[in-house]
Amino acid sequence: QVQLVESGGGLVQAGGSLRLSCAASGSISRFNAMGWNRQAPGKQRELVAYVPHTSGRSTNDANSVKGRFTISRDKAKNTEYLEMNRLEHENTAVYHCGVWGRQEAYWGQGTQVTVSS
């Protein structure tokens, strides 16, 4: 069983920055990737960024965050981070971290990010 706990969300003005953290308990080495998605009010969940375990290189999946959001991982601490810069009102959402493989996936409860315009 894997548990993921996000933290670091909050209220920030447009143009500001936040750093989200995701602490994982349990072994996550068997999963193919670890990443973040988000769900804004009235919208479907959107994959924001992820790191494939094979390459170890970050991938920003959402074009809207390229150059502004950076995903990183501290393997020793079993923790993943999402650095978000130049935040926009449209980035307001609940951000969830997750790990997934071919047959299983785990997601955290999420942390609210609210960007005031």
PDB file of N, CA and C in Angstrom:
ATOM      1  N   GLN A   1       0.843  -1.190   0.000  1.00  0.00           N
ATOM      2  CA  GLN A   1       0.000   0.000   0.000  1.00  0.00           C
ATOM      3  C   GLN A   1       0.881   1.243   0.000  1.00  0.00           C
ATOM      4  N   VAL A   2       0.498   2.205  -0.785  1.00  0.00           N
ATOM      5  CA  VAL A   2       1.238   3.455  -0.896  1.00  0.00           C
ATOM      6  C   VAL A   2       0.344   4.598  -0.458  1.00  0.00           C
ATOM      7  N   GLN A   3       0.886   5.484   0.335  1.00  0.00           N
ATOM      8  CA  GLN A   3       0.153   6.688   0.724  1.00  0.00           C
ATOM      9  C   GLN A   3       0.935   7.908   0.260  1.00  0.00           C
ATOM     10  N   LEU A   4       0.204   8.869  -0.272  1.00  0.00           N
ATOM     11  CA  LEU A   4       0.803  10.093  -0.779  1.00  0.00           C
ATOM     12  C   LEU A   4       0.147  11.272  -0.084  1.00  0.00           C
ATOM     13  N   VAL A   5       0.943  12.171   0.446  1.00  0.00           N
ATOM     14  CA  VAL A   5       0.417  13.320   1.162  1.00  0.00           C
ATOM     15  C   VAL A   5       1.009  14.590   0.559  1.00  0.00           C
ATOM     16  N   GLU A   6       0.134  15.431   0.031  1.00  0.00           N
ATOM     17  CA  GLU A   6       0.575  16.689  -0.570  1.00  0.00           C
ATOM     18  C   GLU A   6       0.539  17.813   0.464  1.00  0.00           C
ATOM     19  N   SER A   7       1.376  18.800   0.228  1.00  0.00           N
ATOM     20  CA  SER A   7       1.371  19.993   1.066  1.00  0.00           C
ATOM     21  C   SER A   7       1.932  21.148   0.250  1.00  0.00           C
ATOM     22  N   GLY A   8       1.761  22.360   0.777  1.00  0.00           N
ATOM     23  CA  GLY A   8       2.349  23.527   0.129  1.00  0.00           C
ATOM     24  C   GLY A   8       1.381  24.396  -0.630  1.00  0.00           C
ATOM     25  N   GLY A   9       0.131  23.969  -0.736  1.00  0.00           N
ATOM     26  CA  GLY A   9      -0.837  24.794  -1.437  1.00  0.00           C
ATOM     27  C   GLY A   9      -1.229  26.014  -0.614  1.00  0.00           C
ATOM     28  N   GLY A  10      -2.013  26.891  -1.227  1.00  0.00           N
ATOM     29  CA  GLY A  10      -2.456  28.077  -0.514  1.00  0.00           C
ATOM     30  C   GLY A  10      -2.956  29.139  -1.465  1.00  0.00           C
ATOM     31  N   LEU A  11      -3.079  30.332  -0.941  1.00  0.00           N
ATOM     32  CA  LEU A  11      -3.552  31.481  -1.715  1.00  0.00           C
ATOM     33  C   LEU A  11      -2.355  32.343  -2.100  1.00  0.00           C
ATOM     34  N   VAL A  12      -2.267  32.663  -3.369  1.00  0.00           N
ATOM     35  CA  VAL A  12      -1.151  33.472  -3.852  1.00  0.00           C
ATOM     36  C   VAL A  12      -1.661  34.434  -4.912  1.00  0.00           C
ATOM     37  N   GLN A  13      -1.036  35.560  -5.031  1.00  0.00           N
ATOM     38  CA  GLN A  13      -1.416  36.518  -6.069  1.00  0.00           C
ATOM     39  C   GLN A  13      -0.857  36.083  -7.418  1.00  0.00           C
ATOM     40  N   ALA A  14      -1.514  36.482  -8.466  1.00  0.00           N
ATOM     41  CA  ALA A  14      -1.027  36.195  -9.815  1.00  0.00           C
ATOM     42  C   ALA A  14       0.390  36.728  -9.973  1.00  0.00           C
ATOM     43  N   GLY A  15       1.229  35.910 -10.569  1.00  0.00           N
ATOM     44  CA  GLY A  15       2.632  36.270 -10.717  1.00  0.00           C
ATOM     45  C   GLY A  15       3.511  35.694  -9.629  1.00  0.00           C
ATOM     46  N   GLY A  16       2.896  35.191  -8.578  1.00  0.00           N
ATOM     47  CA  GLY A  16       3.644  34.633  -7.468  1.00  0.00           C
ATOM     48  C   GLY A  16       4.051  33.190  -7.696  1.00  0.00           C
ATOM     49  N   SER A  17       4.627  32.596  -6.646  1.00  0.00           N
ATOM     50  CA  SER A  17       5.157  31.233  -6.737  1.00  0.00           C
ATOM     51  C   SER A  17       4.700  30.391  -5.552  1.00  0.00           C
ATOM     52  N   LEU A  18       4.628  29.113  -5.789  1.00  0.00           N
ATOM     53  CA  LEU A  18       4.376  28.143  -4.738  1.00  0.00           C
ATOM     54  C   LEU A  18       5.196  26.897  -5.015  1.00  0.00           C
ATOM     55  N   ARG A  19       5.533  26.183  -3.952  1.00  0.00           N
ATOM     56  CA  ARG A  19       6.225  24.905  -4.108  1.00  0.00           C
ATOM     57  C   ARG A  19       5.408  23.833  -3.409  1.00  0.00           C
ATOM     58  N   LEU A  20       4.903  22.907  -4.178  1.00  0.00           N
ATOM     59  CA  LEU A  20       4.140  21.802  -3.631  1.00  0.00           C
ATOM     60  C   LEU A  20       5.071  20.630  -3.333  1.00  0.00           C
ATOM     61  N   SER A  21       4.755  19.922  -2.260  1.00  0.00           N
ATOM     62  CA  SER A  21       5.513  18.736  -1.899  1.00  0.00           C
ATOM     63  C   SER A  21       4.588  17.533  -1.836  1.00  0.00           C
ATOM     64  N   CYS A  22       5.142  16.379  -2.106  1.00  0.00           N
ATOM     65  CA  CYS A  22       4.375  15.138  -2.038  1.00  0.00           C
ATOM     66  C   CYS A  22       5.249  14.087  -1.374  1.00  0.00           C
ATOM     67  N   ALA A  23       4.881  13.731  -0.151  1.00  0.00           N
ATOM     68  CA  ALA A  23       5.639  12.730   0.583  1.00  0.00           C
ATOM     69  C   ALA A  23       4.979  11.369   0.405  1.00  0.00           C
ATOM     70  N   ALA A  24       5.772  10.406  -0.014  1.00  0.00           N
ATOM     71  CA  ALA A  24       5.258   9.056  -0.252  1.00  0.00           C
ATOM     72  C   ALA A  24       5.716   8.111   0.843  1.00  0.00           C
ATOM     73  N   SER A  25       4.785   7.306   1.310  1.00  0.00           N
ATOM     74  CA  SER A  25       5.138   6.255   2.257  1.00  0.00           C
ATOM     75  C   SER A  25       4.949   4.920   1.565  1.00  0.00           C
ATOM     76  N   GLY A  26       5.844   4.006   1.818  1.00  0.00           N
ATOM     77  CA  GLY A  26       5.799   2.741   1.102  1.00  0.00           C
ATOM     78  C   GLY A  26       6.716   2.784  -0.105  1.00  0.00           C
ATOM     79  N   SER A  27       7.002   1.618  -0.626  1.00  0.00           N
ATOM     80  CA  SER A  27       7.910   1.521  -1.763  1.00  0.00           C
ATOM     81  C   SER A  27       7.226   1.979  -3.051  1.00  0.00           C
ATOM     82  N   ILE A  28       7.877   2.874  -3.758  1.00  0.00           N
ATOM     83  CA  ILE A  28       7.303   3.366  -5.022  1.00  0.00           C
ATOM     84  C   ILE A  28       8.201   3.032  -6.199  1.00  0.00           C
ATOM     85  N   SER A  29       9.259   2.257  -5.969  1.00  0.00           N
ATOM     86  CA  SER A  29      10.221   1.963  -7.028  1.00  0.00           C
ATOM     87  C   SER A  29       9.618   1.098  -8.131  1.00  0.00           C
ATOM     88  N   ARG A  30       8.512   0.386  -7.830  1.00  0.00           N
ATOM     89  CA  ARG A  30       7.929  -0.507  -8.835  1.00  0.00           C
ATOM     90  C   ARG A  30       7.062   0.236  -9.850  1.00  0.00           C
ATOM     91  N   PHE A  31       6.772   1.496  -9.597  1.00  0.00           N
ATOM     92  CA  PHE A  31       5.879   2.237 -10.481  1.00  0.00           C
ATOM     93  C   PHE A  31       6.639   2.821 -11.674  1.00  0.00           C
ATOM     94  N   ASN A  32       5.902   3.070 -12.750  1.00  0.00           N
ATOM     95  CA  ASN A  32       6.523   3.575 -13.964  1.00  0.00           C
ATOM     96  C   ASN A  32       6.818   5.066 -13.907  1.00  0.00           C
ATOM     97  N   ALA A  33       6.007   5.775 -13.127  1.00  0.00           N
ATOM     98  CA  ALA A  33       6.171   7.225 -13.116  1.00  0.00           C
ATOM     99  C   ALA A  33       5.544   7.815 -11.861  1.00  0.00           C
ATOM    100  N   MET A  34       5.945   9.031 -11.580  1.00  0.00           N
ATOM    101  CA  MET A  34       5.380   9.795 -10.465  1.00  0.00           C
ATOM    102  C   MET A  34       5.137  11.200 -10.988  1.00  0.00           C
ATOM    103  N   GLY A  35       3.992  11.767 -10.645  1.00  0.00           N
ATOM    104  CA  GLY A  35       3.713  13.085 -11.192  1.00  0.00           C
ATOM    105  C   GLY A  35       2.576  13.799 -10.498  1.00  0.00           C
ATOM    106  N   TRP A  36       2.130  14.860 -11.156  1.00  0.00           N
ATOM    107  CA  TRP A  36       1.072  15.707 -10.609  1.00  0.00           C
ATOM    108  C   TRP A  36      -0.026  15.904 -11.646  1.00  0.00           C
ATOM    109  N   ASN A  37      -1.278  15.887 -11.165  1.00  0.00           N
ATOM    110  CA  ASN A  37      -2.355  16.370 -12.000  1.00  0.00           C
ATOM    111  C   ASN A  37      -3.160  17.382 -11.196  1.00  0.00           C
ATOM    112  N   ARG A  38      -4.105  18.000 -11.842  1.00  0.00           N
ATOM    113  CA  ARG A  38      -4.903  19.014 -11.158  1.00  0.00           C
ATOM    114  C   ARG A  38      -6.319  18.988 -11.679  1.00  0.00           C
ATOM    115  N   GLN A  39      -7.226  19.462 -10.836  1.00  0.00           N
ATOM    116  CA  GLN A  39      -8.625  19.562 -11.233  1.00  0.00           C
ATOM    117  C   GLN A  39      -9.151  20.918 -10.827  1.00  0.00           C
ATOM    118  N   ALA A  40      -9.500  21.692 -11.823  1.00  0.00           N
ATOM    119  CA  ALA A  40     -10.094  23.003 -11.587  1.00  0.00           C
ATOM    120  C   ALA A  40     -11.607  22.862 -11.503  1.00  0.00           C
ATOM    121  N   PRO A  41     -12.284  23.784 -10.863  1.00  0.00           N
ATOM    122  CA  PRO A  41     -13.743  23.700 -10.746  1.00  0.00           C
ATOM    123  C   PRO A  41     -14.411  23.587 -12.098  1.00  0.00           C
ATOM    124  N   GLY A  42     -15.260  22.579 -12.235  1.00  0.00           N
ATOM    125  CA  GLY A  42     -16.008  22.409 -13.473  1.00  0.00           C
ATOM    126  C   GLY A  42     -15.208  21.835 -14.623  1.00  0.00           C
ATOM    127  N   LYS A  43     -13.987  21.428 -14.371  1.00  0.00           N
ATOM    128  CA  LYS A  43     -13.155  20.895 -15.450  1.00  0.00           C
ATOM    129  C   LYS A  43     -12.680  19.494 -15.116  1.00  0.00           C
ATOM    130  N   GLN A  44     -12.231  18.781 -16.140  1.00  0.00           N
ATOM    131  CA  GLN A  44     -11.695  17.449 -15.926  1.00  0.00           C
ATOM    132  C   GLN A  44     -10.277  17.532 -15.378  1.00  0.00           C
ATOM    133  N   ARG A  45      -9.842  16.424 -14.784  1.00  0.00           N
ATOM    134  CA  ARG A  45      -8.467  16.373 -14.302  1.00  0.00           C
ATOM    135  C   ARG A  45      -7.504  16.476 -15.478  1.00  0.00           C
ATOM    136  N   GLU A  46      -6.415  17.173 -15.226  1.00  0.00           N
ATOM    137  CA  GLU A  46      -5.427  17.419 -16.269  1.00  0.00           C
ATOM    138  C   GLU A  46      -4.055  17.029 -15.741  1.00  0.00           C
ATOM    139  N   LEU A  47      -3.320  16.250 -16.505  1.00  0.00           N
ATOM    140  CA  LEU A  47      -1.967  15.900 -16.116  1.00  0.00           C
ATOM    141  C   LEU A  47      -1.072  17.114 -16.296  1.00  0.00           C
ATOM    142  N   VAL A  48      -0.361  17.475 -15.237  1.00  0.00           N
ATOM    143  CA  VAL A  48       0.464  18.681 -15.267  1.00  0.00           C
ATOM    144  C   VAL A  48       1.903  18.349 -15.643  1.00  0.00           C
ATOM    145  N   ALA A  49       2.494  17.410 -14.915  1.00  0.00           N
ATOM    146  CA  ALA A  49       3.893  17.048 -15.163  1.00  0.00           C
ATOM    147  C   ALA A  49       4.163  15.709 -14.502  1.00  0.00           C
ATOM    148  N   TYR A  50       5.144  14.984 -15.035  1.00  0.00           N
ATOM    149  CA  TYR A  50       5.497  13.711 -14.435  1.00  0.00           C
ATOM    150  C   TYR A  50       6.950  13.378 -14.744  1.00  0.00           C
ATOM    151  N   VAL A  51       7.464  12.435 -13.976  1.00  0.00           N
ATOM    152  CA  VAL A  51       8.829  11.953 -14.175  1.00  0.00           C
ATOM    153  C   VAL A  51       8.781  10.451 -14.390  1.00  0.00           C
ATOM    154  N   PRO A  52       9.128   9.980 -15.579  1.00  0.00           N
ATOM    155  CA  PRO A  52       9.198   8.531 -15.796  1.00  0.00           C
ATOM    156  C   PRO A  52      10.376   7.952 -15.017  1.00  0.00           C
ATOM    157  N   HIS A  53      10.183   6.835 -14.370  1.00  0.00           N
ATOM    158  CA  HIS A  53      11.267   6.262 -13.589  1.00  0.00           C
ATOM    159  C   HIS A  53      12.408   5.763 -14.471  1.00  0.00           C
ATOM    160  N   THR A  54      12.111   5.420 -15.692  1.00  0.00           N
ATOM    161  CA  THR A  54      13.160   4.893 -16.570  1.00  0.00           C
ATOM    162  C   THR A  54      14.167   5.967 -16.946  1.00  0.00           C
ATOM    163  N   SER A  55      13.685   7.124 -17.302  1.00  0.00           N
ATOM    164  CA  SER A  55      14.599   8.173 -17.754  1.00  0.00           C
ATOM    165  C   SER A  55      15.041   9.073 -16.612  1.00  0.00           C
ATOM    166  N   GLY A  56      14.163   9.257 -15.639  1.00  0.00           N
ATOM    167  CA  GLY A  56      14.476  10.165 -14.548  1.00  0.00           C
ATOM    168  C   GLY A  56      14.406  11.624 -14.928  1.00  0.00           C
ATOM    169  N   ARG A  57      14.015  11.894 -16.193  1.00  0.00           N
ATOM    170  CA  ARG A  57      13.945  13.276 -16.634  1.00  0.00           C
ATOM    171  C   ARG A  57      12.503  13.764 -16.555  1.00  0.00           C
ATOM    172  N   SER A  58      12.366  15.002 -16.104  1.00  0.00           N
ATOM    173  CA  SER A  58      11.029  15.543 -15.923  1.00  0.00           C
ATOM    174  C   SER A  58      10.357  15.796 -17.261  1.00  0.00           C
ATOM    175  N   THR A  59       9.081  15.690 -17.246  1.00  0.00           N
ATOM    176  CA  THR A  59       8.286  15.939 -18.436  1.00  0.00           C
ATOM    177  C   THR A  59       7.107  16.809 -18.052  1.00  0.00           C
ATOM    178  N   ASN A  60       6.974  17.910 -18.695  1.00  0.00           N
ATOM    179  CA  ASN A  60       5.809  18.764 -18.480  1.00  0.00           C
ATOM    180  C   ASN A  60       4.776  18.419 -19.534  1.00  0.00           C
ATOM    181  N   ASP A  61       3.677  17.852 -19.086  1.00  0.00           N
ATOM    182  CA  ASP A  61       2.690  17.373 -20.037  1.00  0.00           C
ATOM    183  C   ASP A  61       1.760  18.474 -20.518  1.00  0.00           C
ATOM    184  N   ALA A  62       1.448  19.414 -19.648  1.00  0.00           N
ATOM    185  CA  ALA A  62       0.528  20.472 -20.016  1.00  0.00           C
ATOM    186  C   ALA A  62       1.296  21.622 -20.655  1.00  0.00           C
ATOM    187  N   ASN A  63       0.965  21.944 -21.895  1.00  0.00           N
ATOM    188  CA  ASN A  63       1.665  23.026 -22.593  1.00  0.00           C
ATOM    189  C   ASN A  63       1.551  24.347 -21.855  1.00  0.00           C
ATOM    190  N   SER A  64       0.465  24.534 -21.151  1.00  0.00           N
ATOM    191  CA  SER A  64       0.220  25.816 -20.501  1.00  0.00           C
ATOM    192  C   SER A  64       1.190  26.093 -19.364  1.00  0.00           C
ATOM    193  N   VAL A  65       1.908  25.057 -18.880  1.00  0.00           N
ATOM    194  CA  VAL A  65       2.801  25.279 -17.749  1.00  0.00           C
ATOM    195  C   VAL A  65       4.268  25.190 -18.131  1.00  0.00           C
ATOM    196  N   LYS A  66       4.549  24.918 -19.384  1.00  0.00           N
ATOM    197  CA  LYS A  66       5.945  24.814 -19.819  1.00  0.00           C
ATOM    198  C   LYS A  66       6.690  26.110 -19.541  1.00  0.00           C
ATOM    199  N   GLY A  67       7.855  25.948 -18.954  1.00  0.00           N
ATOM    200  CA  GLY A  67       8.681  27.112 -18.641  1.00  0.00           C
ATOM    201  C   GLY A  67       8.328  27.772 -17.328  1.00  0.00           C
ATOM    202  N   ARG A  68       7.223  27.362 -16.736  1.00  0.00           N
ATOM    203  CA  ARG A  68       6.818  27.980 -15.458  1.00  0.00           C
ATOM    204  C   ARG A  68       6.784  26.977 -14.318  1.00  0.00           C
ATOM    205  N   PHE A  69       6.429  25.740 -14.608  1.00  0.00           N
ATOM    206  CA  PHE A  69       6.349  24.698 -13.586  1.00  0.00           C
ATOM    207  C   PHE A  69       7.515  23.727 -13.768  1.00  0.00           C
ATOM    208  N   THR A  70       8.096  23.309 -12.646  1.00  0.00           N
ATOM    209  CA  THR A  70       9.203  22.343 -12.682  1.00  0.00           C
ATOM    210  C   THR A  70       8.947  21.242 -11.678  1.00  0.00           C
ATOM    211  N   ILE A  71       9.036  20.015 -12.144  1.00  0.00           N
ATOM    212  CA  ILE A  71       8.858  18.866 -11.263  1.00  0.00           C
ATOM    213  C   ILE A  71      10.235  18.301 -10.918  1.00  0.00           C
ATOM    214  N   SER A  72      10.382  17.886  -9.676  1.00  0.00           N
ATOM    215  CA  SER A  72      11.639  17.284  -9.254  1.00  0.00           C
ATOM    216  C   SER A  72      11.358  16.228  -8.206  1.00  0.00           C
ATOM    217  N   ARG A  73      12.350  15.420  -7.954  1.00  0.00           N
ATOM    218  CA  ARG A  73      12.146  14.315  -7.022  1.00  0.00           C
ATOM    219  C   ARG A  73      13.405  14.118  -6.184  1.00  0.00           C
ATOM    220  N   ASP A  74      13.199  13.904  -4.888  1.00  0.00           N
ATOM    221  CA  ASP A  74      14.280  13.580  -3.964  1.00  0.00           C
ATOM    222  C   ASP A  74      14.084  12.119  -3.581  1.00  0.00           C
ATOM    223  N   LYS A  75      14.840  11.243  -4.207  1.00  0.00           N
ATOM    224  CA  LYS A  75      14.644   9.813  -3.968  1.00  0.00           C
ATOM    225  C   LYS A  75      14.959   9.442  -2.536  1.00  0.00           C
ATOM    226  N   ALA A  76      15.949  10.075  -1.946  1.00  0.00           N
ATOM    227  CA  ALA A  76      16.337   9.744  -0.574  1.00  0.00           C
ATOM    228  C   ALA A  76      15.215  10.043   0.409  1.00  0.00           C
ATOM    229  N   LYS A  77      14.441  11.086   0.117  1.00  0.00           N
ATOM    230  CA  LYS A  77      13.338  11.465   1.007  1.00  0.00           C
ATOM    231  C   LYS A  77      12.004  10.907   0.536  1.00  0.00           C
ATOM    232  N   ASN A  78      12.017  10.201  -0.588  1.00  0.00           N
ATOM    233  CA  ASN A  78      10.768   9.669  -1.148  1.00  0.00           C
ATOM    234  C   ASN A  78       9.747  10.786  -1.332  1.00  0.00           C
ATOM    235  N   THR A  79      10.212  11.902  -1.794  1.00  0.00           N
ATOM    236  CA  THR A  79       9.369  13.086  -1.914  1.00  0.00           C
ATOM    237  C   THR A  79       9.512  13.700  -3.298  1.00  0.00           C
ATOM    238  N   GLU A  80       8.398  14.192  -3.811  1.00  0.00           N
ATOM    239  CA  GLU A  80       8.383  14.846  -5.106  1.00  0.00           C
ATOM    240  C   GLU A  80       7.916  16.280  -4.915  1.00  0.00           C
ATOM    241  N   TYR A  81       8.384  17.146  -5.788  1.00  0.00           N
ATOM    242  CA  TYR A  81       8.064  18.559  -5.659  1.00  0.00           C
ATOM    243  C   TYR A  81       7.523  19.093  -6.984  1.00  0.00           C
ATOM    244  N   LEU A  82       6.694  20.113  -6.885  1.00  0.00           N
ATOM    245  CA  LEU A  82       6.255  20.841  -8.064  1.00  0.00           C
ATOM    246  C   LEU A  82       6.467  22.327  -7.774  1.00  0.00           C
ATOM    247  N   GLU A  83       7.466  22.889  -8.415  1.00  0.00           N
ATOM    248  CA  GLU A  83       7.760  24.305  -8.278  1.00  0.00           C
ATOM    249  C   GLU A  83       6.939  25.048  -9.319  1.00  0.00           C
ATOM    250  N   MET A  84       6.119  25.986  -8.851  1.00  0.00           N
ATOM    251  CA  MET A  84       5.227  26.705  -9.751  1.00  0.00           C
ATOM    252  C   MET A  84       5.557  28.190  -9.685  1.00  0.00           C
ATOM    253  N   ASN A  85       5.939  28.745 -10.802  1.00  0.00           N
ATOM    254  CA  ASN A  85       6.304  30.158 -10.888  1.00  0.00           C
ATOM    255  C   ASN A  85       5.378  30.900 -11.840  1.00  0.00           C
ATOM    256  N   ARG A  86       5.344  32.225 -11.699  1.00  0.00           N
ATOM    257  CA  ARG A  86       4.503  33.087 -12.542  1.00  0.00           C
ATOM    258  C   ARG A  86       3.083  32.503 -12.615  1.00  0.00           C
ATOM    259  N   LEU A  87       2.525  32.256 -11.461  1.00  0.00           N
ATOM    260  CA  LEU A  87       1.198  31.643 -11.412  1.00  0.00           C
ATOM    261  C   LEU A  87       0.143  32.561 -12.006  1.00  0.00           C
ATOM    262  N   GLU A  88      -0.837  31.941 -12.643  1.00  0.00           N
ATOM    263  CA  GLU A  88      -1.946  32.646 -13.266  1.00  0.00           C
ATOM    264  C   GLU A  88      -3.248  32.212 -12.619  1.00  0.00           C
ATOM    265  N   HIS A  89      -4.253  33.057 -12.740  1.00  0.00           N
ATOM    266  CA  HIS A  89      -5.545  32.727 -12.150  1.00  0.00           C
ATOM    267  C   HIS A  89      -6.057  31.376 -12.657  1.00  0.00           C
ATOM    268  N   GLU A  90      -5.747  31.085 -13.918  1.00  0.00           N
ATOM    269  CA  GLU A  90      -6.205  29.830 -14.523  1.00  0.00           C
ATOM    270  C   GLU A  90      -5.535  28.599 -13.903  1.00  0.00           C
ATOM    271  N   ASN A  91      -4.514  28.794 -13.099  1.00  0.00           N
ATOM    272  CA  ASN A  91      -3.858  27.671 -12.438  1.00  0.00           C
ATOM    273  C   ASN A  91      -4.559  27.264 -11.145  1.00  0.00           C
ATOM    274  N   THR A  92      -5.609  27.990 -10.781  1.00  0.00           N
ATOM    275  CA  THR A  92      -6.366  27.643  -9.582  1.00  0.00           C
ATOM    276  C   THR A  92      -6.971  26.251  -9.740  1.00  0.00           C
ATOM    277  N   ALA A  93      -6.675  25.372  -8.789  1.00  0.00           N
ATOM    278  CA  ALA A  93      -7.143  23.995  -8.880  1.00  0.00           C
ATOM    279  C   ALA A  93      -6.710  23.247  -7.626  1.00  0.00           C
ATOM    280  N   VAL A  94      -7.232  22.039  -7.490  1.00  0.00           N
ATOM    281  CA  VAL A  94      -6.698  21.109  -6.488  1.00  0.00           C
ATOM    282  C   VAL A  94      -5.633  20.276  -7.185  1.00  0.00           C
ATOM    283  N   TYR A  95      -4.440  20.280  -6.632  1.00  0.00           N
ATOM    284  CA  TYR A  95      -3.317  19.566  -7.226  1.00  0.00           C
ATOM    285  C   TYR A  95      -3.100  18.261  -6.476  1.00  0.00           C
ATOM    286  N   HIS A  96      -3.025  17.177  -7.245  1.00  0.00           N
ATOM    287  CA  HIS A  96      -2.841  15.847  -6.678  1.00  0.00           C
ATOM    288  C   HIS A  96      -1.522  15.261  -7.177  1.00  0.00           C
ATOM    289  N   CYS A  97      -0.805  14.595  -6.300  1.00  0.00           N
ATOM    290  CA  CYS A  97       0.356  13.841  -6.771  1.00  0.00           C
ATOM    291  C   CYS A  97      -0.016  12.369  -6.824  1.00  0.00           C
ATOM    292  N   GLY A  98       0.677  11.660  -7.691  1.00  0.00           N
ATOM    293  CA  GLY A  98       0.352  10.258  -7.862  1.00  0.00           C
ATOM    294  C   GLY A  98       1.527   9.453  -8.362  1.00  0.00           C
ATOM    295  N   VAL A  99       1.407   8.138  -8.229  1.00  0.00           N
ATOM    296  CA  VAL A  99       2.349   7.197  -8.813  1.00  0.00           C
ATOM    297  C   VAL A  99       1.525   6.171  -9.573  1.00  0.00           C
ATOM    298  N   TRP A 100       2.049   5.719 -10.674  1.00  0.00           N
ATOM    299  CA  TRP A 100       1.278   4.765 -11.465  1.00  0.00           C
ATOM    300  C   TRP A 100       2.179   3.820 -12.229  1.00  0.00           C
ATOM    301  N   GLY A 101       1.593   2.659 -12.498  1.00  0.00           N
ATOM    302  CA  GLY A 101       2.263   1.642 -13.281  1.00  0.00           C
ATOM    303  C   GLY A 101       1.254   1.001 -14.203  1.00  0.00           C
ATOM    304  N   ARG A 102       1.581  -0.187 -14.671  1.00  0.00           N
ATOM    305  CA  ARG A 102       0.689  -0.847 -15.624  1.00  0.00           C
ATOM    306  C   ARG A 102      -0.618  -1.290 -14.984  1.00  0.00           C
ATOM    307  N   GLN A 103      -0.552  -1.704 -13.728  1.00  0.00           N
ATOM    308  CA  GLN A 103      -1.741  -2.316 -13.127  1.00  0.00           C
ATOM    309  C   GLN A 103      -2.253  -1.597 -11.891  1.00  0.00           C
ATOM    310  N   GLU A 104      -1.584  -0.585 -11.457  1.00  0.00           N
ATOM    311  CA  GLU A 104      -2.046   0.093 -10.259  1.00  0.00           C
ATOM    312  C   GLU A 104      -1.631   1.557 -10.287  1.00  0.00           C
ATOM    313  N   ALA A 105      -2.383   2.341  -9.536  1.00  0.00           N
ATOM    314  CA  ALA A 105      -2.092   3.766  -9.421  1.00  0.00           C
ATOM    315  C   ALA A 105      -2.587   4.249  -8.073  1.00  0.00           C
ATOM    316  N   TYR A 106      -1.872   5.190  -7.527  1.00  0.00           N
ATOM    317  CA  TYR A 106      -2.253   5.785  -6.251  1.00  0.00           C
ATOM    318  C   TYR A 106      -2.176   7.303  -6.387  1.00  0.00           C
ATOM    319  N   TRP A 107      -3.167   7.954  -5.782  1.00  0.00           N
ATOM    320  CA  TRP A 107      -3.202   9.417  -5.808  1.00  0.00           C
ATOM    321  C   TRP A 107      -3.469   9.946  -4.411  1.00  0.00           C
ATOM    322  N   GLY A 108      -2.900  11.102  -4.128  1.00  0.00           N
ATOM    323  CA  GLY A 108      -3.128  11.736  -2.849  1.00  0.00           C
ATOM    324  C   GLY A 108      -4.447  12.492  -2.830  1.00  0.00           C
ATOM    325  N   GLN A 109      -4.795  13.013  -1.661  1.00  0.00           N
ATOM    326  CA  GLN A 109      -6.053  13.739  -1.511  1.00  0.00           C
ATOM    327  C   GLN A 109      -6.025  15.112  -2.164  1.00  0.00           C
ATOM    328  N   GLY A 110      -4.843  15.639  -2.364  1.00  0.00           N
ATOM    329  CA  GLY A 110      -4.725  16.913  -3.061  1.00  0.00           C
ATOM    330  C   GLY A 110      -4.497  18.091  -2.133  1.00  0.00           C
ATOM    331  N   THR A 111      -3.986  19.158  -2.718  1.00  0.00           N
ATOM    332  CA  THR A 111      -3.792  20.408  -1.995  1.00  0.00           C
ATOM    333  C   THR A 111      -4.318  21.543  -2.864  1.00  0.00           C
ATOM    334  N   GLN A 112      -5.060  22.447  -2.242  1.00  0.00           N
ATOM    335  CA  GLN A 112      -5.713  23.524  -2.986  1.00  0.00           C
ATOM    336  C   GLN A 112      -4.738  24.649  -3.296  1.00  0.00           C
ATOM    337  N   VAL A 113      -4.719  25.049  -4.544  1.00  0.00           N
ATOM    338  CA  VAL A 113      -3.947  26.217  -4.975  1.00  0.00           C
ATOM    339  C   VAL A 113      -4.938  27.241  -5.521  1.00  0.00           C
ATOM    340  N   THR A 114      -4.924  28.416  -4.942  1.00  0.00           N
ATOM    341  CA  THR A 114      -5.811  29.485  -5.382  1.00  0.00           C
ATOM    342  C   THR A 114      -4.979  30.692  -5.766  1.00  0.00           C
ATOM    343  N   VAL A 115      -5.150  31.125  -7.004  1.00  0.00           N
ATOM    344  CA  VAL A 115      -4.389  32.262  -7.514  1.00  0.00           C
ATOM    345  C   VAL A 115      -5.348  33.427  -7.717  1.00  0.00           C
ATOM    346  N   SER A 116      -5.124  34.484  -6.995  1.00  0.00           N
ATOM    347  CA  SER A 116      -5.995  35.657  -7.117  1.00  0.00           C
ATOM    348  C   SER A 116      -5.490  36.548  -8.242  1.00  0.00           C
ATOM    349  N   SER A 117      -6.441  37.060  -8.994  1.00  0.00           N
ATOM    350  CA  SER A 117      -6.073  37.902 -10.146  1.00  0.00           C
ATOM    351  C   SER A 117      -6.010  39.369  -9.765  1.00  0.00           C
TER     352      SER A 117
END
